[in-house]
Amino acid sequence: MMKMPKLFWPLRAVFLMPAFIFLTYPLIAQETVIKGQVTDKNNKPLANAQITFHDLSKGTKFSVKTRKDGTYIKIGLPPSIYKVTVSSEGYFSFETNLQIDFGREQIFNFILEKMPPKLEDDPDFKQGIKYFEAGQYDYAVASFKRAAEKLPESIEANFNLAICYLRLHKAAEAIDILEKILNLRNDIPEIYIALGEAFFNRSETEKAISSFRRALELQPANYRIFYDLGIIYYKIDQLEAAITSFEQALKLKPEFPSAYYQLGLTFIKKGDFPRAIEALEKFLQLEPDAREASQVKMIIEELKKK
């Protein structure tokens, strides 16, 4: 009888399979699993949000995106401290540091805050700009009002509304809005300049001076602020303060015709005719075709006679 050959492969299989199972299962069990969900403040899931894990010790990065229901899963992150960045279009990015441990399932949920709509894309704001440029301030007020109602904390929408009220000589309305803006931001010189103009239009000169001085603290090299202060001091007969303000404006901007004109008028009011003539002649030199040119020439002739 012929002997059948021995079959070794089943025996090998018996020994290999348990070895294979032994080697594989513990490795799977030790994998780190990071999962969770990304939502907004209203618990709305955010799909396609990107989550980036930046290993601070090695500099390597791993990324994953959320599914339709806002959930994500990342398997196999090496244990380390990670800087985690979560971002989604239309939302503010979120960053935090997380400790990822070895062989554990860890759940991290993230909540993103929605960005406000861009003001320049708002149709009412854009329409308000068009009306303002056309000098149609009443219509501009209506448009900027609607924009400000939608974005009540928008500095620009409220500021433009206040400027429209100033152009319409509605100083009280402008002051109300500008003071509201100061509750949001108190470090913008333009707000104080507009407020100074509004107070000046209401003959509240002390408040106007205080506003312009605050603007100068924030922007000490602004020649226009010195000029505006000079006008106020001239109006209330504080002539030395007016002269100092106009001269300071000219130090910052030597070729400033209006400052020479106002300086000349201030010297006339003070009775210093030679310096008045000097200032007014400088004005004519810089602005020979000015609307006031013929009148200034007559004043100079009269002053020379005196």
C-alpha atoms as a PDB file:
ATOM      1  CA  MET A   1       0.000   0.000   0.000  1.00  0.00           C
ATOM      2  CA  MET A   2       1.318   3.417  -0.975  1.00  0.00           C
ATOM      3  CA  LYS A   3       1.893   5.793   1.928  1.00  0.00           C
ATOM      4  CA  MET A   4       0.070   9.056   1.757  1.00  0.00           C
ATOM      5  CA  PRO A   5       2.386  12.129   1.966  1.00  0.00           C
ATOM      6  CA  LYS A   6       2.200  14.049   5.197  1.00  0.00           C
ATOM      7  CA  LEU A   7       0.369  17.355   4.987  1.00  0.00           C
ATOM      8  CA  PHE A   8       2.130  19.901   7.120  1.00  0.00           C
ATOM      9  CA  TRP A   9       0.183  23.089   6.197  1.00  0.00           C
ATOM     10  CA  PRO A  10      -2.844  22.374   8.407  1.00  0.00           C
ATOM     11  CA  LEU A  11      -0.531  21.839  11.310  1.00  0.00           C
ATOM     12  CA  ARG A  12       1.261  25.099  10.478  1.00  0.00           C
ATOM     13  CA  ALA A  13      -2.039  26.864  10.301  1.00  0.00           C
ATOM     14  CA  VAL A  14      -2.963  25.637  13.725  1.00  0.00           C
ATOM     15  CA  PHE A  15       0.174  27.133  15.170  1.00  0.00           C
ATOM     16  CA  LEU A  16       0.283  30.324  13.095  1.00  0.00           C
ATOM     17  CA  MET A  17      -3.291  31.492  13.557  1.00  0.00           C
ATOM     18  CA  PRO A  18      -3.150  31.724  17.345  1.00  0.00           C
ATOM     19  CA  ALA A  19       0.176  33.547  17.014  1.00  0.00           C
ATOM     20  CA  PHE A  20      -1.393  35.981  14.528  1.00  0.00           C
ATOM     21  CA  ILE A  21      -4.326  36.623  16.802  1.00  0.00           C
ATOM     22  CA  PHE A  22      -2.063  37.055  19.790  1.00  0.00           C
ATOM     23  CA  LEU A  23       0.036  39.677  18.025  1.00  0.00           C
ATOM     24  CA  THR A  24      -2.828  41.667  16.494  1.00  0.00           C
ATOM     25  CA  TYR A  25      -5.524  42.088  19.123  1.00  0.00           C
ATOM     26  CA  PRO A  26      -3.405  43.692  21.835  1.00  0.00           C
ATOM     27  CA  LEU A  27      -2.143  46.273  19.321  1.00  0.00           C
ATOM     28  CA  ILE A  28      -5.684  47.259  18.373  1.00  0.00           C
ATOM     29  CA  ALA A  29      -6.656  47.490  22.005  1.00  0.00           C
ATOM     30  CA  GLN A  30      -3.805  49.921  22.660  1.00  0.00           C
ATOM     31  CA  GLU A  31      -4.701  52.367  19.865  1.00  0.00           C
ATOM     32  CA  THR A  32      -5.568  55.881  21.066  1.00  0.00           C
ATOM     33  CA  VAL A  33      -9.037  56.943  19.917  1.00  0.00           C
ATOM     34  CA  ILE A  34     -10.023  60.627  19.930  1.00  0.00           C
ATOM     35  CA  LYS A  35     -13.580  61.492  19.013  1.00  0.00           C
ATOM     36  CA  GLY A  36     -16.291  64.030  19.658  1.00  0.00           C
ATOM     37  CA  GLN A  37     -18.488  66.614  17.958  1.00  0.00           C
ATOM     38  CA  VAL A  38     -18.218  70.222  16.789  1.00  0.00           C
ATOM     39  CA  THR A  39     -21.303  72.424  17.150  1.00  0.00           C
ATOM     40  CA  ASP A  40     -22.224  76.095  17.374  1.00  0.00           C
ATOM     41  CA  LYS A  41     -23.675  77.790  20.456  1.00  0.00           C
ATOM     42  CA  ASN A  42     -27.162  76.665  19.440  1.00  0.00           C
ATOM     43  CA  ASN A  43     -26.009  73.042  19.354  1.00  0.00           C
ATOM     44  CA  LYS A  44     -26.142  72.969  15.548  1.00  0.00           C
ATOM     45  CA  PRO A  45     -23.668  70.361  14.191  1.00  0.00           C
ATOM     46  CA  LEU A  46     -20.934  71.817  11.994  1.00  0.00           C
ATOM     47  CA  ALA A  47     -19.982  69.641   9.033  1.00  0.00           C
ATOM     48  CA  ASN A  48     -16.537  69.891   7.412  1.00  0.00           C
ATOM     49  CA  ALA A  49     -15.036  71.642  10.412  1.00  0.00           C
ATOM     50  CA  GLN A  50     -11.300  70.992  10.476  1.00  0.00           C
ATOM     51  CA  ILE A  51      -9.591  69.823  13.658  1.00  0.00           C
ATOM     52  CA  THR A  52      -5.797  69.972  13.686  1.00  0.00           C
ATOM     53  CA  PHE A  53      -3.686  68.297  16.363  1.00  0.00           C
ATOM     54  CA  HIS A  54      -0.221  69.875  16.612  1.00  0.00           C
ATOM     55  CA  ASP A  55       2.261  67.862  18.645  1.00  0.00           C
ATOM     56  CA  LEU A  56       4.117  70.566  20.575  1.00  0.00           C
ATOM     57  CA  SER A  57       7.091  68.327  21.390  1.00  0.00           C
ATOM     58  CA  LYS A  58       7.740  66.945  17.904  1.00  0.00           C
ATOM     59  CA  GLY A  59       6.160  69.572  15.679  1.00  0.00           C
ATOM     60  CA  THR A  60       4.073  67.053  13.753  1.00  0.00           C
ATOM     61  CA  LYS A  61       0.475  67.735  12.781  1.00  0.00           C
ATOM     62  CA  PHE A  62      -2.566  65.511  12.288  1.00  0.00           C
ATOM     63  CA  SER A  63      -5.891  66.687  10.861  1.00  0.00           C
ATOM     64  CA  VAL A  64      -9.422  65.363  10.598  1.00  0.00           C
ATOM     65  CA  LYS A  65     -12.713  66.826   9.348  1.00  0.00           C
ATOM     66  CA  THR A  66     -16.146  66.472  10.866  1.00  0.00           C
ATOM     67  CA  ARG A  67     -18.938  64.493   9.211  1.00  0.00           C
ATOM     68  CA  LYS A  68     -22.431  65.758   8.378  1.00  0.00           C
ATOM     69  CA  ASP A  69     -23.539  65.362  11.975  1.00  0.00           C
ATOM     70  CA  GLY A  70     -20.517  67.302  13.229  1.00  0.00           C
ATOM     71  CA  THR A  71     -18.814  64.212  14.674  1.00  0.00           C
ATOM     72  CA  TYR A  72     -15.212  63.223  14.102  1.00  0.00           C
ATOM     73  CA  ILE A  73     -12.859  60.398  15.060  1.00  0.00           C
ATOM     74  CA  LYS A  74      -9.084  60.176  14.974  1.00  0.00           C
ATOM     75  CA  ILE A  75      -7.329  56.893  15.718  1.00  0.00           C
ATOM     76  CA  GLY A  76      -3.685  56.326  16.541  1.00  0.00           C
ATOM     77  CA  LEU A  77      -2.455  59.692  17.805  1.00  0.00           C
ATOM     78  CA  PRO A  78       0.857  59.263  19.632  1.00  0.00           C
ATOM     79  CA  PRO A  79       0.558  60.271  23.305  1.00  0.00           C
ATOM     80  CA  SER A  80       1.674  63.875  23.811  1.00  0.00           C
ATOM     81  CA  ILE A  81       0.457  67.379  24.585  1.00  0.00           C
ATOM     82  CA  TYR A  82      -1.247  68.808  21.500  1.00  0.00           C
ATOM     83  CA  LYS A  83      -2.305  72.272  20.510  1.00  0.00           C
ATOM     84  CA  VAL A  84      -5.721  71.655  19.005  1.00  0.00           C
ATOM     85  CA  THR A  85      -7.165  74.118  16.488  1.00  0.00           C
ATOM     86  CA  VAL A  86     -10.797  73.860  15.398  1.00  0.00           C
ATOM     87  CA  SER A  87     -11.955  75.949  12.434  1.00  0.00           C
ATOM     88  CA  SER A  88     -15.026  76.213  10.246  1.00  0.00           C
ATOM     89  CA  GLU A  89     -15.995  78.719   7.577  1.00  0.00           C
ATOM     90  CA  GLY A  90     -17.999  81.597   9.049  1.00  0.00           C
ATOM     91  CA  TYR A  91     -16.928  80.840  12.627  1.00  0.00           C
ATOM     92  CA  PHE A  92     -14.156  82.049  14.896  1.00  0.00           C
ATOM     93  CA  SER A  93     -11.350  79.520  15.238  1.00  0.00           C
ATOM     94  CA  PHE A  94     -10.881  77.875  18.609  1.00  0.00           C
ATOM     95  CA  GLU A  95      -7.563  76.799  20.126  1.00  0.00           C
ATOM     96  CA  THR A  96      -6.716  74.810  23.240  1.00  0.00           C
ATOM     97  CA  ASN A  97      -4.032  72.467  24.580  1.00  0.00           C
ATOM     98  CA  LEU A  98      -4.971  68.840  25.268  1.00  0.00           C
ATOM     99  CA  GLN A  99      -3.153  65.902  26.834  1.00  0.00           C
ATOM    100  CA  ILE A 100      -3.590  62.790  24.678  1.00  0.00           C
ATOM    101  CA  ASP A 101      -2.948  59.588  26.644  1.00  0.00           C
ATOM    102  CA  PHE A 102      -1.801  56.214  25.288  1.00  0.00           C
ATOM    103  CA  GLY A 103      -4.315  53.447  24.637  1.00  0.00           C
ATOM    104  CA  ARG A 104      -7.390  55.382  25.727  1.00  0.00           C
ATOM    105  CA  GLU A 105     -10.601  56.578  24.138  1.00  0.00           C
ATOM    106  CA  GLN A 106     -10.995  60.272  24.853  1.00  0.00           C
ATOM    107  CA  ILE A 107     -13.967  62.451  23.931  1.00  0.00           C
ATOM    108  CA  PHE A 108     -13.504  66.140  23.147  1.00  0.00           C
ATOM    109  CA  ASN A 109     -16.471  68.255  22.063  1.00  0.00           C
ATOM    110  CA  PHE A 110     -15.953  71.762  20.710  1.00  0.00           C
ATOM    111  CA  ILE A 111     -18.298  74.759  20.415  1.00  0.00           C
ATOM    112  CA  LEU A 112     -17.515  77.477  17.846  1.00  0.00           C
ATOM    113  CA  GLU A 113     -18.808  81.036  17.898  1.00  0.00           C
ATOM    114  CA  LYS A 114     -20.314  82.363  14.678  1.00  0.00           C
ATOM    115  CA  MET A 115     -18.675  85.399  13.104  1.00  0.00           C
ATOM    116  CA  PRO A 116     -20.919  88.443  12.683  1.00  0.00           C
ATOM    117  CA  PRO A 117     -21.809  89.291   9.079  1.00  0.00           C
ATOM    118  CA  LYS A 118     -19.328  91.583   7.339  1.00  0.00           C
ATOM    119  CA  LEU A 119     -20.514  95.174   7.503  1.00  0.00           C
ATOM    120  CA  GLU A 120     -19.256  96.007   4.020  1.00  0.00           C
ATOM    121  CA  ASP A 121     -21.523  93.278   2.635  1.00  0.00           C
ATOM    122  CA  ASP A 122     -24.641  94.681   4.306  1.00  0.00           C
ATOM    123  CA  PRO A 123     -26.932  96.219   1.631  1.00  0.00           C
ATOM    124  CA  ASP A 124     -28.176  99.007   3.926  1.00  0.00           C
ATOM    125  CA  PHE A 125     -24.649 100.010   4.848  1.00  0.00           C
ATOM    126  CA  LYS A 126     -23.584 100.080   1.193  1.00  0.00           C
ATOM    127  CA  GLN A 127     -26.654 102.134   0.294  1.00  0.00           C
ATOM    128  CA  GLY A 128     -25.898 104.535   3.151  1.00  0.00           C
ATOM    129  CA  ILE A 129     -22.411 105.140   1.745  1.00  0.00           C
ATOM    130  CA  LYS A 130     -23.894 105.976  -1.660  1.00  0.00           C
ATOM    131  CA  TYR A 131     -26.395 108.418  -0.162  1.00  0.00           C
ATOM    132  CA  PHE A 132     -23.675 110.034   1.966  1.00  0.00           C
ATOM    133  CA  GLU A 133     -21.362 110.530  -1.019  1.00  0.00           C
ATOM    134  CA  ALA A 134     -24.264 112.094  -2.915  1.00  0.00           C
ATOM    135  CA  GLY A 135     -24.963 114.479  -0.030  1.00  0.00           C
ATOM    136  CA  GLN A 136     -28.383 112.917   0.610  1.00  0.00           C
ATOM    137  CA  TYR A 137     -27.914 112.763   4.362  1.00  0.00           C
ATOM    138  CA  ASP A 138     -31.563 112.116   5.273  1.00  0.00           C
ATOM    139  CA  TYR A 139     -31.581 108.954   3.157  1.00  0.00           C
ATOM    140  CA  ALA A 140     -28.139 108.022   4.465  1.00  0.00           C
ATOM    141  CA  VAL A 141     -29.449 108.282   8.043  1.00  0.00           C
ATOM    142  CA  ALA A 142     -32.274 105.840   7.280  1.00  0.00           C
ATOM    143  CA  SER A 143     -29.864 103.339   5.710  1.00  0.00           C
ATOM    144  CA  PHE A 144     -27.231 103.552   8.429  1.00  0.00           C
ATOM    145  CA  LYS A 145     -29.950 103.228  11.067  1.00  0.00           C
ATOM    146  CA  ARG A 146     -31.082  99.928   9.582  1.00  0.00           C
ATOM    147  CA  ALA A 147     -27.489  98.704   9.393  1.00  0.00           C
ATOM    148  CA  ALA A 148     -26.854  99.698  13.018  1.00  0.00           C
ATOM    149  CA  GLU A 149     -30.020  97.927  14.169  1.00  0.00           C
ATOM    150  CA  LYS A 150     -28.747  94.700  12.610  1.00  0.00           C
ATOM    151  CA  LEU A 151     -25.231  95.235  13.969  1.00  0.00           C
ATOM    152  CA  PRO A 152     -25.718  97.301  17.131  1.00  0.00           C
ATOM    153  CA  GLU A 153     -22.067  96.953  18.173  1.00  0.00           C
ATOM    154  CA  SER A 154     -20.670  98.041  14.817  1.00  0.00           C
ATOM    155  CA  ILE A 155     -18.455 101.079  15.398  1.00  0.00           C
ATOM    156  CA  GLU A 156     -18.469 102.017  11.724  1.00  0.00           C
ATOM    157  CA  ALA A 157     -22.237 101.844  11.174  1.00  0.00           C
ATOM    158  CA  ASN A 158     -22.948 103.948  14.264  1.00  0.00           C
ATOM    159  CA  PHE A 159     -20.151 106.415  13.540  1.00  0.00           C
ATOM    160  CA  ASN A 160     -21.373 107.001   9.990  1.00  0.00           C
ATOM    161  CA  LEU A 161     -24.873 107.554  11.341  1.00  0.00           C
ATOM    162  CA  ALA A 162     -23.536 110.153  13.793  1.00  0.00           C
ATOM    163  CA  ILE A 163     -21.626 111.968  11.038  1.00  0.00           C
ATOM    164  CA  CYS A 164     -24.822 112.159   8.957  1.00  0.00           C
ATOM    165  CA  TYR A 165     -26.597 113.776  11.900  1.00  0.00           C
ATOM    166  CA  LEU A 166     -23.745 116.295  12.156  1.00  0.00           C
ATOM    167  CA  ARG A 167     -24.142 117.144   8.473  1.00  0.00           C
ATOM    168  CA  LEU A 168     -27.857 117.673   9.120  1.00  0.00           C
ATOM    169  CA  HIS A 169     -26.997 119.965  12.085  1.00  0.00           C
ATOM    170  CA  LYS A 170     -28.615 117.538  14.518  1.00  0.00           C
ATOM    171  CA  ALA A 171     -25.911 117.702  17.149  1.00  0.00           C
ATOM    172  CA  ALA A 172     -27.978 116.185  19.976  1.00  0.00           C
ATOM    173  CA  GLU A 173     -28.681 113.012  17.979  1.00  0.00           C
ATOM    174  CA  ALA A 174     -25.014 112.798  16.978  1.00  0.00           C
ATOM    175  CA  ILE A 175     -23.882 113.137  20.608  1.00  0.00           C
ATOM    176  CA  ASP A 176     -26.207 110.342  21.753  1.00  0.00           C
ATOM    177  CA  ILE A 177     -24.738 107.936  19.204  1.00  0.00           C
ATOM    178  CA  LEU A 178     -21.112 108.975  19.737  1.00  0.00           C
ATOM    179  CA  GLU A 179     -21.416 108.502  23.499  1.00  0.00           C
ATOM    180  CA  LYS A 180     -22.922 105.081  22.861  1.00  0.00           C
ATOM    181  CA  ILE A 181     -19.882 104.222  20.738  1.00  0.00           C
ATOM    182  CA  LEU A 182     -17.585 105.305  23.580  1.00  0.00           C
ATOM    183  CA  ASN A 183     -19.156 102.606  25.729  1.00  0.00           C
ATOM    184  CA  LEU A 184     -17.938 100.109  23.130  1.00  0.00           C
ATOM    185  CA  ARG A 185     -14.532 101.670  22.366  1.00  0.00           C
ATOM    186  CA  ASN A 186     -12.899 104.660  24.033  1.00  0.00           C
ATOM    187  CA  ASP A 187      -9.583 104.690  22.174  1.00  0.00           C
ATOM    188  CA  ILE A 188     -10.591 105.978  18.726  1.00  0.00           C
ATOM    189  CA  PRO A 189      -9.581 109.639  18.179  1.00  0.00           C
ATOM    190  CA  GLU A 190     -12.127 110.190  15.396  1.00  0.00           C
ATOM    191  CA  ILE A 191     -14.957 109.596  17.879  1.00  0.00           C
ATOM    192  CA  TYR A 192     -13.716 112.399  20.127  1.00  0.00           C
ATOM    193  CA  ILE A 193     -13.144 114.721  17.151  1.00  0.00           C
ATOM    194  CA  ALA A 194     -16.744 114.240  15.996  1.00  0.00           C
ATOM    195  CA  LEU A 195     -17.959 114.627  19.569  1.00  0.00           C
ATOM    196  CA  GLY A 196     -15.977 117.855  19.895  1.00  0.00           C
ATOM    197  CA  GLU A 197     -17.595 119.205  16.734  1.00  0.00           C
ATOM    198  CA  ALA A 198     -21.054 118.243  18.001  1.00  0.00           C
ATOM    199  CA  PHE A 199     -20.515 119.944  21.372  1.00  0.00           C
ATOM    200  CA  PHE A 200     -19.130 123.022  19.620  1.00  0.00           C
ATOM    201  CA  ASN A 201     -22.236 123.222  17.427  1.00  0.00           C
ATOM    202  CA  ARG A 202     -24.320 123.246  20.623  1.00  0.00           C
ATOM    203  CA  SER A 203     -22.113 126.007  22.074  1.00  0.00           C
ATOM    204  CA  GLU A 204     -20.887 123.618  24.785  1.00  0.00           C
ATOM    205  CA  THR A 205     -17.345 124.868  24.402  1.00  0.00           C
ATOM    206  CA  GLU A 206     -15.830 123.310  27.533  1.00  0.00           C
ATOM    207  CA  LYS A 207     -17.063 119.870  26.530  1.00  0.00           C
ATOM    208  CA  ALA A 208     -15.841 120.500  22.983  1.00  0.00           C
ATOM    209  CA  ILE A 209     -12.356 121.449  24.215  1.00  0.00           C
ATOM    210  CA  SER A 210     -12.268 118.423  26.504  1.00  0.00           C
ATOM    211  CA  SER A 211     -13.197 116.124  23.608  1.00  0.00           C
ATOM    212  CA  PHE A 212     -10.543 117.562  21.302  1.00  0.00           C
ATOM    213  CA  ARG A 213      -7.910 117.331  24.018  1.00  0.00           C
ATOM    214  CA  ARG A 214      -8.773 113.670  24.550  1.00  0.00           C
ATOM    215  CA  ALA A 215      -8.391 113.150  20.786  1.00  0.00           C
ATOM    216  CA  LEU A 216      -4.949 114.787  21.001  1.00  0.00           C
ATOM    217  CA  GLU A 217      -3.905 112.370  23.741  1.00  0.00           C
ATOM    218  CA  LEU A 218      -4.655 109.525  21.354  1.00  0.00           C
ATOM    219  CA  GLN A 219      -3.266 111.242  18.245  1.00  0.00           C
ATOM    220  CA  PRO A 220      -0.804 113.982  19.244  1.00  0.00           C
ATOM    221  CA  ALA A 221       0.514 114.526  15.704  1.00  0.00           C
ATOM    222  CA  ASN A 222      -2.888 115.327  14.181  1.00  0.00           C
ATOM    223  CA  TYR A 223      -2.644 118.933  12.922  1.00  0.00           C
ATOM    224  CA  ARG A 224      -6.414 119.109  12.299  1.00  0.00           C
ATOM    225  CA  ILE A 225      -7.154 118.704  16.004  1.00  0.00           C
ATOM    226  CA  PHE A 226      -4.895 121.651  16.868  1.00  0.00           C
ATOM    227  CA  TYR A 227      -6.615 123.659  14.154  1.00  0.00           C
ATOM    228  CA  ASP A 228     -10.087 122.827  15.500  1.00  0.00           C
ATOM    229  CA  LEU A 229      -8.993 123.781  19.018  1.00  0.00           C
ATOM    230  CA  GLY A 230      -7.666 127.055  17.649  1.00  0.00           C
ATOM    231  CA  ILE A 231     -11.078 127.836  16.119  1.00  0.00           C
ATOM    232  CA  ILE A 232     -12.805 127.230  19.454  1.00  0.00           C
ATOM    233  CA  TYR A 233     -10.326 129.366  21.384  1.00  0.00           C
ATOM    234  CA  TYR A 234     -10.723 132.137  18.804  1.00  0.00           C
ATOM    235  CA  LYS A 235     -14.522 132.043  19.164  1.00  0.00           C
ATOM    236  CA  ILE A 236     -14.350 132.389  22.953  1.00  0.00           C
ATOM    237  CA  ASP A 237     -11.629 135.086  22.790  1.00  0.00           C
ATOM    238  CA  GLN A 238      -8.853 132.982  24.314  1.00  0.00           C
ATOM    239  CA  LEU A 239      -6.490 134.457  21.774  1.00  0.00           C
ATOM    240  CA  GLU A 240      -3.149 133.265  23.144  1.00  0.00           C
ATOM    241  CA  ALA A 241      -4.463 129.693  23.279  1.00  0.00           C
ATOM    242  CA  ALA A 242      -5.782 130.105  19.725  1.00  0.00           C
ATOM    243  CA  ILE A 243      -2.407 131.369  18.468  1.00  0.00           C
ATOM    244  CA  THR A 244      -0.588 128.501  20.174  1.00  0.00           C
ATOM    245  CA  SER A 245      -2.980 125.975  18.628  1.00  0.00           C
ATOM    246  CA  PHE A 246      -2.677 127.380  15.090  1.00  0.00           C
ATOM    247  CA  GLU A 247       1.118 127.577  15.365  1.00  0.00           C
ATOM    248  CA  GLN A 248       1.231 123.980  16.588  1.00  0.00           C
ATOM    249  CA  ALA A 249      -0.886 122.936  13.605  1.00  0.00           C
ATOM    250  CA  LEU A 250       1.605 124.716  11.306  1.00  0.00           C
ATOM    251  CA  LYS A 251       4.560 122.973  12.941  1.00  0.00           C
ATOM    252  CA  LEU A 252       2.961 119.664  12.040  1.00  0.00           C
ATOM    253  CA  LYS A 253       1.857 120.831   8.588  1.00  0.00           C
ATOM    254  CA  PRO A 254       3.772 123.954   7.421  1.00  0.00           C
ATOM    255  CA  GLU A 255       1.838 124.209   4.140  1.00  0.00           C
ATOM    256  CA  PHE A 256      -1.606 124.522   5.744  1.00  0.00           C
ATOM    257  CA  PRO A 257      -3.317 127.614   4.250  1.00  0.00           C
ATOM    258  CA  SER A 258      -6.371 127.636   6.523  1.00  0.00           C
ATOM    259  CA  ALA A 259      -4.193 127.765   9.645  1.00  0.00           C
ATOM    260  CA  TYR A 260      -2.377 130.863   8.305  1.00  0.00           C
ATOM    261  CA  TYR A 261      -5.719 132.483   7.495  1.00  0.00           C
ATOM    262  CA  GLN A 262      -7.133 131.852  10.981  1.00  0.00           C
ATOM    263  CA  LEU A 263      -3.835 132.859  12.576  1.00  0.00           C
ATOM    264  CA  GLY A 264      -3.995 136.142  10.684  1.00  0.00           C
ATOM    265  CA  LEU A 265      -7.531 136.823  11.904  1.00  0.00           C
ATOM    266  CA  THR A 266      -6.457 136.011  15.466  1.00  0.00           C
ATOM    267  CA  PHE A 267      -3.561 138.490  15.301  1.00  0.00           C
ATOM    268  CA  ILE A 268      -5.972 141.145  13.984  1.00  0.00           C
ATOM    269  CA  LYS A 269      -8.309 140.476  16.899  1.00  0.00           C
ATOM    270  CA  LYS A 270      -5.335 140.795  19.253  1.00  0.00           C
ATOM    271  CA  GLY A 271      -4.174 144.022  17.574  1.00  0.00           C
ATOM    272  CA  ASP A 272      -0.857 142.610  16.339  1.00  0.00           C
ATOM    273  CA  PHE A 273      -1.108 143.883  12.773  1.00  0.00           C
ATOM    274  CA  PRO A 274       2.443 143.140  11.501  1.00  0.00           C
ATOM    275  CA  ARG A 275       2.104 139.466  12.412  1.00  0.00           C
ATOM    276  CA  ALA A 276      -1.408 139.436  10.983  1.00  0.00           C
ATOM    277  CA  ILE A 277      -0.087 140.762   7.652  1.00  0.00           C
ATOM    278  CA  GLU A 278       2.691 138.152   7.668  1.00  0.00           C
ATOM    279  CA  ALA A 279       0.240 135.301   8.273  1.00  0.00           C
ATOM    280  CA  LEU A 280      -2.295 136.501   5.683  1.00  0.00           C
ATOM    281  CA  GLU A 281       0.390 137.030   3.017  1.00  0.00           C
ATOM    282  CA  LYS A 282       1.556 133.484   3.638  1.00  0.00           C
ATOM    283  CA  PHE A 283      -2.036 132.353   3.162  1.00  0.00           C
ATOM    284  CA  LEU A 284      -2.201 134.104  -0.236  1.00  0.00           C
ATOM    285  CA  GLN A 285       1.140 132.621  -1.226  1.00  0.00           C
ATOM    286  CA  LEU A 286      -0.184 129.104  -0.590  1.00  0.00           C
ATOM    287  CA  GLU A 287      -3.736 129.696  -1.803  1.00  0.00           C
ATOM    288  CA  PRO A 288      -3.669 132.527  -4.407  1.00  0.00           C
ATOM    289  CA  ASP A 289      -6.978 131.483  -5.973  1.00  0.00           C
ATOM    290  CA  ALA A 290      -8.841 130.964  -2.704  1.00  0.00           C
ATOM    291  CA  ARG A 291     -12.418 132.189  -2.422  1.00  0.00           C
ATOM    292  CA  GLU A 292     -11.295 134.613   0.294  1.00  0.00           C
ATOM    293  CA  ALA A 293      -8.278 135.882  -1.682  1.00  0.00           C
ATOM    294  CA  SER A 294      -9.709 139.227  -2.795  1.00  0.00           C
ATOM    295  CA  GLN A 295     -11.058 139.961   0.676  1.00  0.00           C
ATOM    296  CA  VAL A 296      -7.725 139.035   2.270  1.00  0.00           C
ATOM    297  CA  LYS A 297      -5.881 141.410  -0.083  1.00  0.00           C
ATOM    298  CA  MET A 298      -8.183 144.250   0.987  1.00  0.00           C
ATOM    299  CA  ILE A 299      -7.608 143.406   4.670  1.00  0.00           C
ATOM    300  CA  ILE A 300      -3.847 143.429   4.160  1.00  0.00           C
ATOM    301  CA  GLU A 301      -4.023 146.883   2.493  1.00  0.00           C
ATOM    302  CA  GLU A 302      -6.092 148.248   5.377  1.00  0.00           C
ATOM    303  CA  LEU A 303      -3.702 146.768   7.944  1.00  0.00           C
ATOM    304  CA  LYS A 304      -0.709 148.325   6.198  1.00  0.00           C
ATOM    305  CA  LYS A 305      -2.372 151.737   6.418  1.00  0.00           C
ATOM    306  CA  LYS A 306      -2.722 151.275  10.160  1.00  0.00           C
END
